[in-house]
């Protein structure tokens, strides 16, 4: 018996009596056929690939580049009424490119290439929603018209200009016993105790949406 073959057992023997051969479903007793997935050759369109190469040369090691990032993996909705509906609105939507801090992979800038399809009414409605989502999360979004070629100096200038107004995260402190509100999510925070690290045993206020939100306030 070969290493990849499996004994059919009693079930296989009985099915064979009725003329049913489990081998016809993938050649194993599992009955699983080969899944119909194939590798796409067009992960990036020609315009996206052209821009990616120029963007890579423009940012070098300063930024990490991620391609086709789902908005659902990038943003979250704080717990509360209507959170499911808002999550569904960004489902199946993505941003073409995302620049992240290479040390922490913290997102810093989204980039969208706008081709002729963005002139359609339904696409403009989608773009408006994406713009509003990025604005609400205070993550800058740079829109660049799709073209056959791109110039490195121009891309550098656009990226630096978009990053110039990036807001900095703040870590507020409080010395009162009142339950603080997360400055990022607007929800009451939860009192927690550090379980490890140099602050092990110390109490702090953490966002109820952790790990999606890591805002902390000192007790």
C-alpha atoms as a PDB file:
ATOM      1  CA  UNK A   1       0.000   0.000   0.000  1.00  0.00           C
ATOM      2  CA  UNK A   2       1.420   3.422  -0.920  1.00  0.00           C
ATOM      3  CA  UNK A   3       2.023   6.119   1.700  1.00  0.00           C
ATOM      4  CA  UNK A   4      -0.750   8.374   0.399  1.00  0.00           C
ATOM      5  CA  UNK A   5      -3.424   5.679   0.201  1.00  0.00           C
ATOM      6  CA  UNK A   6      -5.961   5.164   2.971  1.00  0.00           C
ATOM      7  CA  UNK A   7      -7.888   2.050   4.061  1.00  0.00           C
ATOM      8  CA  UNK A   8     -11.539   2.296   3.038  1.00  0.00           C
ATOM      9  CA  UNK A   9     -12.821   0.480   6.112  1.00  0.00           C
ATOM     10  CA  UNK A  10     -16.264  -1.095   6.501  1.00  0.00           C
ATOM     11  CA  UNK A  11     -18.075   1.851   4.925  1.00  0.00           C
ATOM     12  CA  UNK A  12     -15.970   1.681   1.801  1.00  0.00           C
ATOM     13  CA  UNK A  13     -16.489  -2.089   1.548  1.00  0.00           C
ATOM     14  CA  UNK A  14     -20.264  -1.746   1.863  1.00  0.00           C
ATOM     15  CA  UNK A  15     -20.408   1.076  -0.697  1.00  0.00           C
ATOM     16  CA  UNK A  16     -18.399  -1.019  -3.131  1.00  0.00           C
ATOM     17  CA  UNK A  17     -21.065  -3.746  -2.869  1.00  0.00           C
ATOM     18  CA  UNK A  18     -23.526  -1.175  -4.245  1.00  0.00           C
ATOM     19  CA  UNK A  19     -21.140  -0.170  -7.032  1.00  0.00           C
ATOM     20  CA  UNK A  20     -19.971   3.056  -5.408  1.00  0.00           C
ATOM     21  CA  UNK A  21     -16.238   3.682  -5.638  1.00  0.00           C
ATOM     22  CA  UNK A  22     -14.920   6.353  -3.271  1.00  0.00           C
ATOM     23  CA  UNK A  23     -11.835   6.656  -5.429  1.00  0.00           C
ATOM     24  CA  UNK A  24     -13.752   8.639  -8.017  1.00  0.00           C
ATOM     25  CA  UNK A  25     -13.932  11.596  -5.590  1.00  0.00           C
ATOM     26  CA  UNK A  26     -10.269  12.487  -5.492  1.00  0.00           C
ATOM     27  CA  UNK A  27      -8.847   8.992  -5.020  1.00  0.00           C
ATOM     28  CA  UNK A  28      -9.244   8.876  -1.229  1.00  0.00           C
ATOM     29  CA  UNK A  29     -11.780   7.731   1.297  1.00  0.00           C
ATOM     30  CA  UNK A  30     -12.455  11.347   2.280  1.00  0.00           C
ATOM     31  CA  UNK A  31     -14.723  11.811  -0.731  1.00  0.00           C
ATOM     32  CA  UNK A  32     -13.253  15.252  -1.371  1.00  0.00           C
ATOM     33  CA  UNK A  33     -12.710  16.330  -4.967  1.00  0.00           C
ATOM     34  CA  UNK A  34      -9.870  18.655  -5.869  1.00  0.00           C
ATOM     35  CA  UNK A  35     -10.941  22.208  -5.114  1.00  0.00           C
ATOM     36  CA  UNK A  36     -11.450  24.383  -8.228  1.00  0.00           C
ATOM     37  CA  UNK A  37      -9.119  27.254  -7.243  1.00  0.00           C
ATOM     38  CA  UNK A  38      -6.522  28.644  -9.647  1.00  0.00           C
ATOM     39  CA  UNK A  39      -3.899  31.363  -9.258  1.00  0.00           C
ATOM     40  CA  UNK A  40      -4.835  34.670 -10.895  1.00  0.00           C
ATOM     41  CA  UNK A  41      -2.379  36.290 -13.292  1.00  0.00           C
ATOM     42  CA  UNK A  42      -3.819  39.786 -12.783  1.00  0.00           C
ATOM     43  CA  UNK A  43      -3.375  40.431  -9.065  1.00  0.00           C
ATOM     44  CA  UNK A  44      -2.222  43.921 -10.026  1.00  0.00           C
ATOM     45  CA  UNK A  45      -3.444  45.582 -13.193  1.00  0.00           C
ATOM     46  CA  UNK A  46      -0.807  47.003 -15.573  1.00  0.00           C
ATOM     47  CA  UNK A  47      -1.461  50.510 -14.219  1.00  0.00           C
ATOM     48  CA  UNK A  48      -1.236  49.319 -10.615  1.00  0.00           C
ATOM     49  CA  UNK A  49       1.974  47.402 -11.263  1.00  0.00           C
ATOM     50  CA  UNK A  50       3.525  50.409 -12.993  1.00  0.00           C
ATOM     51  CA  UNK A  51       2.606  52.667 -10.080  1.00  0.00           C
ATOM     52  CA  UNK A  52       3.788  50.109  -7.512  1.00  0.00           C
ATOM     53  CA  UNK A  53       7.268  50.016  -9.037  1.00  0.00           C
ATOM     54  CA  UNK A  54       7.562  53.805  -8.996  1.00  0.00           C
ATOM     55  CA  UNK A  55       6.122  53.997  -5.469  1.00  0.00           C
ATOM     56  CA  UNK A  56       8.617  51.386  -4.270  1.00  0.00           C
ATOM     57  CA  UNK A  57      11.492  53.380  -5.748  1.00  0.00           C
ATOM     58  CA  UNK A  58      10.093  56.607  -4.276  1.00  0.00           C
ATOM     59  CA  UNK A  59       9.616  55.511  -0.665  1.00  0.00           C
ATOM     60  CA  UNK A  60      12.505  53.020  -0.415  1.00  0.00           C
ATOM     61  CA  UNK A  61      12.816  51.579   3.096  1.00  0.00           C
ATOM     62  CA  UNK A  62      11.030  54.514   4.715  1.00  0.00           C
ATOM     63  CA  UNK A  63       7.602  52.944   4.303  1.00  0.00           C
ATOM     64  CA  UNK A  64       6.263  49.410   3.916  1.00  0.00           C
ATOM     65  CA  UNK A  65       3.868  49.009   0.977  1.00  0.00           C
ATOM     66  CA  UNK A  66       0.782  46.784   1.182  1.00  0.00           C
ATOM     67  CA  UNK A  67      -1.389  46.118  -1.858  1.00  0.00           C
ATOM     68  CA  UNK A  68      -5.163  45.677  -2.083  1.00  0.00           C
ATOM     69  CA  UNK A  69      -5.947  45.953   1.616  1.00  0.00           C
ATOM     70  CA  UNK A  70      -9.524  45.227   2.717  1.00  0.00           C
ATOM     71  CA  UNK A  71     -11.159  48.116   4.561  1.00  0.00           C
ATOM     72  CA  UNK A  72     -12.555  45.577   7.036  1.00  0.00           C
ATOM     73  CA  UNK A  73      -8.964  44.636   7.945  1.00  0.00           C
ATOM     74  CA  UNK A  74      -7.980  48.285   8.216  1.00  0.00           C
ATOM     75  CA  UNK A  75     -10.859  49.852  10.138  1.00  0.00           C
ATOM     76  CA  UNK A  76     -13.205  48.743  12.908  1.00  0.00           C
ATOM     77  CA  UNK A  77     -16.495  50.031  14.309  1.00  0.00           C
ATOM     78  CA  UNK A  78     -16.734  50.599  18.090  1.00  0.00           C
ATOM     79  CA  UNK A  79     -19.284  48.417  19.827  1.00  0.00           C
ATOM     80  CA  UNK A  80     -22.741  49.892  20.008  1.00  0.00           C
ATOM     81  CA  UNK A  81     -25.994  50.337  18.170  1.00  0.00           C
ATOM     82  CA  UNK A  82     -25.634  50.054  14.411  1.00  0.00           C
ATOM     83  CA  UNK A  83     -22.095  48.683  14.442  1.00  0.00           C
ATOM     84  CA  UNK A  84     -23.056  45.675  12.289  1.00  0.00           C
ATOM     85  CA  UNK A  85     -24.631  47.875   9.618  1.00  0.00           C
ATOM     86  CA  UNK A  86     -21.548  50.083   9.477  1.00  0.00           C
ATOM     87  CA  UNK A  87     -19.248  47.052   9.210  1.00  0.00           C
ATOM     88  CA  UNK A  88     -21.347  45.718   6.337  1.00  0.00           C
ATOM     89  CA  UNK A  89     -20.956  49.003   4.457  1.00  0.00           C
ATOM     90  CA  UNK A  90     -17.207  48.508   4.095  1.00  0.00           C
ATOM     91  CA  UNK A  91     -17.392  44.785   3.425  1.00  0.00           C
ATOM     92  CA  UNK A  92     -15.856  43.751   0.072  1.00  0.00           C
ATOM     93  CA  UNK A  93     -14.167  47.137  -0.338  1.00  0.00           C
ATOM     94  CA  UNK A  94     -10.415  47.678  -0.444  1.00  0.00           C
ATOM     95  CA  UNK A  95      -7.804  50.370  -0.931  1.00  0.00           C
ATOM     96  CA  UNK A  96      -5.257  49.893  -3.733  1.00  0.00           C
ATOM     97  CA  UNK A  97      -2.131  50.656  -1.695  1.00  0.00           C
ATOM     98  CA  UNK A  98      -1.338  51.297   1.942  1.00  0.00           C
ATOM     99  CA  UNK A  99       1.845  52.816   3.354  1.00  0.00           C
ATOM    100  CA  UNK A 100       2.753  51.568   6.834  1.00  0.00           C
ATOM    101  CA  UNK A 101       5.466  52.304   9.359  1.00  0.00           C
ATOM    102  CA  UNK A 102       7.936  49.449   8.684  1.00  0.00           C
ATOM    103  CA  UNK A 103       8.736  49.088  12.395  1.00  0.00           C
ATOM    104  CA  UNK A 104       5.173  48.716  13.663  1.00  0.00           C
ATOM    105  CA  UNK A 105       3.172  48.230  10.426  1.00  0.00           C
ATOM    106  CA  UNK A 106       0.898  51.005  11.666  1.00  0.00           C
ATOM    107  CA  UNK A 107      -1.067  52.358   8.651  1.00  0.00           C
ATOM    108  CA  UNK A 108      -0.104  55.893   7.708  1.00  0.00           C
ATOM    109  CA  UNK A 109      -1.456  56.578   4.201  1.00  0.00           C
ATOM    110  CA  UNK A 110      -3.940  55.007   1.802  1.00  0.00           C
ATOM    111  CA  UNK A 111      -3.491  55.430  -1.954  1.00  0.00           C
ATOM    112  CA  UNK A 112      -6.145  54.926  -4.619  1.00  0.00           C
ATOM    113  CA  UNK A 113      -5.550  54.908  -8.368  1.00  0.00           C
ATOM    114  CA  UNK A 114      -8.586  56.405 -10.088  1.00  0.00           C
ATOM    115  CA  UNK A 115      -9.138  55.174 -13.652  1.00  0.00           C
ATOM    116  CA  UNK A 116     -12.042  55.917 -15.999  1.00  0.00           C
ATOM    117  CA  UNK A 117     -14.359  53.604 -14.054  1.00  0.00           C
ATOM    118  CA  UNK A 118     -14.413  56.145 -11.240  1.00  0.00           C
ATOM    119  CA  UNK A 119     -16.464  58.458 -13.462  1.00  0.00           C
ATOM    120  CA  UNK A 120     -19.502  56.185 -13.153  1.00  0.00           C
ATOM    121  CA  UNK A 121     -22.199  57.321 -10.741  1.00  0.00           C
ATOM    122  CA  UNK A 122     -22.192  54.108  -8.691  1.00  0.00           C
ATOM    123  CA  UNK A 123     -18.392  54.240  -8.411  1.00  0.00           C
ATOM    124  CA  UNK A 124     -18.494  57.860  -7.290  1.00  0.00           C
ATOM    125  CA  UNK A 125     -20.892  56.865  -4.517  1.00  0.00           C
ATOM    126  CA  UNK A 126     -18.481  54.124  -3.477  1.00  0.00           C
ATOM    127  CA  UNK A 127     -15.553  56.572  -3.557  1.00  0.00           C
ATOM    128  CA  UNK A 128     -17.488  59.046  -1.392  1.00  0.00           C
ATOM    129  CA  UNK A 129     -18.062  56.352   1.222  1.00  0.00           C
ATOM    130  CA  UNK A 130     -14.386  55.336   1.197  1.00  0.00           C
ATOM    131  CA  UNK A 131     -13.329  58.981   1.537  1.00  0.00           C
ATOM    132  CA  UNK A 132     -15.674  59.433   4.505  1.00  0.00           C
ATOM    133  CA  UNK A 133     -14.398  56.246   6.185  1.00  0.00           C
ATOM    134  CA  UNK A 134     -10.764  57.351   5.908  1.00  0.00           C
ATOM    135  CA  UNK A 135     -11.696  60.830   7.127  1.00  0.00           C
ATOM    136  CA  UNK A 136     -13.601  59.449  10.135  1.00  0.00           C
ATOM    137  CA  UNK A 137     -10.607  57.283  11.098  1.00  0.00           C
ATOM    138  CA  UNK A 138      -8.226  60.222  10.528  1.00  0.00           C
ATOM    139  CA  UNK A 139      -6.138  58.251   8.064  1.00  0.00           C
ATOM    140  CA  UNK A 140      -5.173  60.298   4.998  1.00  0.00           C
ATOM    141  CA  UNK A 141      -6.176  58.971   1.580  1.00  0.00           C
ATOM    142  CA  UNK A 142      -4.328  60.050  -1.550  1.00  0.00           C
ATOM    143  CA  UNK A 143      -6.124  59.732  -4.886  1.00  0.00           C
ATOM    144  CA  UNK A 144      -3.963  59.663  -8.011  1.00  0.00           C
ATOM    145  CA  UNK A 145      -5.306  59.523 -11.582  1.00  0.00           C
ATOM    146  CA  UNK A 146      -4.354  56.241 -13.263  1.00  0.00           C
ATOM    147  CA  UNK A 147      -1.781  56.630 -16.048  1.00  0.00           C
ATOM    148  CA  UNK A 148       0.505  54.509 -18.197  1.00  0.00           C
ATOM    149  CA  UNK A 149       3.631  55.883 -16.553  1.00  0.00           C
ATOM    150  CA  UNK A 150       4.483  57.779 -13.391  1.00  0.00           C
ATOM    151  CA  UNK A 151       7.372  60.044 -12.489  1.00  0.00           C
ATOM    152  CA  UNK A 152       9.276  59.331  -9.290  1.00  0.00           C
ATOM    153  CA  UNK A 153       9.702  63.017  -8.219  1.00  0.00           C
ATOM    154  CA  UNK A 154       5.983  63.611  -8.691  1.00  0.00           C
ATOM    155  CA  UNK A 155       5.032  60.559  -6.616  1.00  0.00           C
ATOM    156  CA  UNK A 156       7.454  61.580  -3.848  1.00  0.00           C
ATOM    157  CA  UNK A 157       5.920  65.065  -3.716  1.00  0.00           C
ATOM    158  CA  UNK A 158       2.368  63.707  -3.599  1.00  0.00           C
ATOM    159  CA  UNK A 159       3.152  61.218  -0.836  1.00  0.00           C
ATOM    160  CA  UNK A 160       5.013  63.750   1.306  1.00  0.00           C
ATOM    161  CA  UNK A 161       2.218  66.282   0.845  1.00  0.00           C
ATOM    162  CA  UNK A 162      -0.428  63.763   1.910  1.00  0.00           C
ATOM    163  CA  UNK A 163       1.596  62.700   4.968  1.00  0.00           C
ATOM    164  CA  UNK A 164       2.323  66.258   6.088  1.00  0.00           C
ATOM    165  CA  UNK A 165      -1.033  66.650   7.851  1.00  0.00           C
ATOM    166  CA  UNK A 166      -1.174  63.167   9.377  1.00  0.00           C
ATOM    167  CA  UNK A 167      -2.520  63.534  12.948  1.00  0.00           C
ATOM    168  CA  UNK A 168      -0.417  62.242  15.790  1.00  0.00           C
ATOM    169  CA  UNK A 169      -1.910  59.868  18.333  1.00  0.00           C
ATOM    170  CA  UNK A 170      -2.217  61.208  21.832  1.00  0.00           C
ATOM    171  CA  UNK A 171      -2.178  59.284  25.091  1.00  0.00           C
ATOM    172  CA  UNK A 172      -4.172  61.377  27.593  1.00  0.00           C
ATOM    173  CA  UNK A 173      -3.764  60.910  31.322  1.00  0.00           C
ATOM    174  CA  UNK A 174      -6.222  61.193  34.175  1.00  0.00           C
ATOM    175  CA  UNK A 175      -5.811  61.268  37.960  1.00  0.00           C
ATOM    176  CA  UNK A 176      -9.526  60.962  38.856  1.00  0.00           C
ATOM    177  CA  UNK A 177     -11.579  57.859  39.664  1.00  0.00           C
ATOM    178  CA  UNK A 178     -14.171  58.693  36.999  1.00  0.00           C
ATOM    179  CA  UNK A 179     -14.390  56.261  34.107  1.00  0.00           C
ATOM    180  CA  UNK A 180     -12.723  58.009  31.154  1.00  0.00           C
ATOM    181  CA  UNK A 181     -14.005  57.899  27.605  1.00  0.00           C
ATOM    182  CA  UNK A 182     -11.702  56.561  24.915  1.00  0.00           C
ATOM    183  CA  UNK A 183     -10.504  59.586  22.918  1.00  0.00           C
ATOM    184  CA  UNK A 184     -10.473  57.502  19.757  1.00  0.00           C
ATOM    185  CA  UNK A 185     -13.714  55.485  19.989  1.00  0.00           C
ATOM    186  CA  UNK A 186     -15.848  57.625  22.296  1.00  0.00           C
ATOM    187  CA  UNK A 187     -16.828  54.664  24.509  1.00  0.00           C
ATOM    188  CA  UNK A 188     -16.278  54.166  28.276  1.00  0.00           C
ATOM    189  CA  UNK A 189     -12.931  52.557  28.990  1.00  0.00           C
ATOM    190  CA  UNK A 190     -12.284  49.430  31.054  1.00  0.00           C
ATOM    191  CA  UNK A 191     -10.052  49.270  34.116  1.00  0.00           C
ATOM    192  CA  UNK A 192      -7.370  46.639  33.624  1.00  0.00           C
ATOM    193  CA  UNK A 193      -4.166  45.382  35.283  1.00  0.00           C
ATOM    194  CA  UNK A 194      -0.966  44.851  33.340  1.00  0.00           C
ATOM    195  CA  UNK A 195      -0.118  41.138  33.400  1.00  0.00           C
ATOM    196  CA  UNK A 196       3.448  41.425  32.134  1.00  0.00           C
ATOM    197  CA  UNK A 197       6.194  43.832  31.186  1.00  0.00           C
ATOM    198  CA  UNK A 198       7.863  46.505  33.272  1.00  0.00           C
ATOM    199  CA  UNK A 199       4.448  47.788  34.433  1.00  0.00           C
ATOM    200  CA  UNK A 200       3.254  44.358  35.576  1.00  0.00           C
ATOM    201  CA  UNK A 201       0.656  44.703  38.325  1.00  0.00           C
ATOM    202  CA  UNK A 202      -0.086  48.349  37.556  1.00  0.00           C
ATOM    203  CA  UNK A 203      -3.662  49.379  36.762  1.00  0.00           C
ATOM    204  CA  UNK A 204      -4.676  51.372  33.719  1.00  0.00           C
ATOM    205  CA  UNK A 205      -7.723  52.273  31.672  1.00  0.00           C
ATOM    206  CA  UNK A 206      -7.916  50.463  28.324  1.00  0.00           C
ATOM    207  CA  UNK A 207     -10.342  50.823  25.450  1.00  0.00           C
ATOM    208  CA  UNK A 208     -13.235  48.348  25.427  1.00  0.00           C
ATOM    209  CA  UNK A 209     -12.496  47.756  21.741  1.00  0.00           C
ATOM    210  CA  UNK A 210      -9.045  46.254  22.383  1.00  0.00           C
ATOM    211  CA  UNK A 211      -7.176  44.887  20.419  1.00  0.00           C
ATOM    212  CA  UNK A 212      -8.630  46.964  17.566  1.00  0.00           C
ATOM    213  CA  UNK A 213      -7.999  50.089  19.635  1.00  0.00           C
ATOM    214  CA  UNK A 214      -4.971  50.250  21.958  1.00  0.00           C
ATOM    215  CA  UNK A 215      -5.624  53.629  23.567  1.00  0.00           C
ATOM    216  CA  UNK A 216      -4.706  53.674  27.265  1.00  0.00           C
ATOM    217  CA  UNK A 217      -5.180  56.182  30.084  1.00  0.00           C
ATOM    218  CA  UNK A 218      -3.238  56.069  33.316  1.00  0.00           C
ATOM    219  CA  UNK A 219      -5.154  55.491  36.529  1.00  0.00           C
END
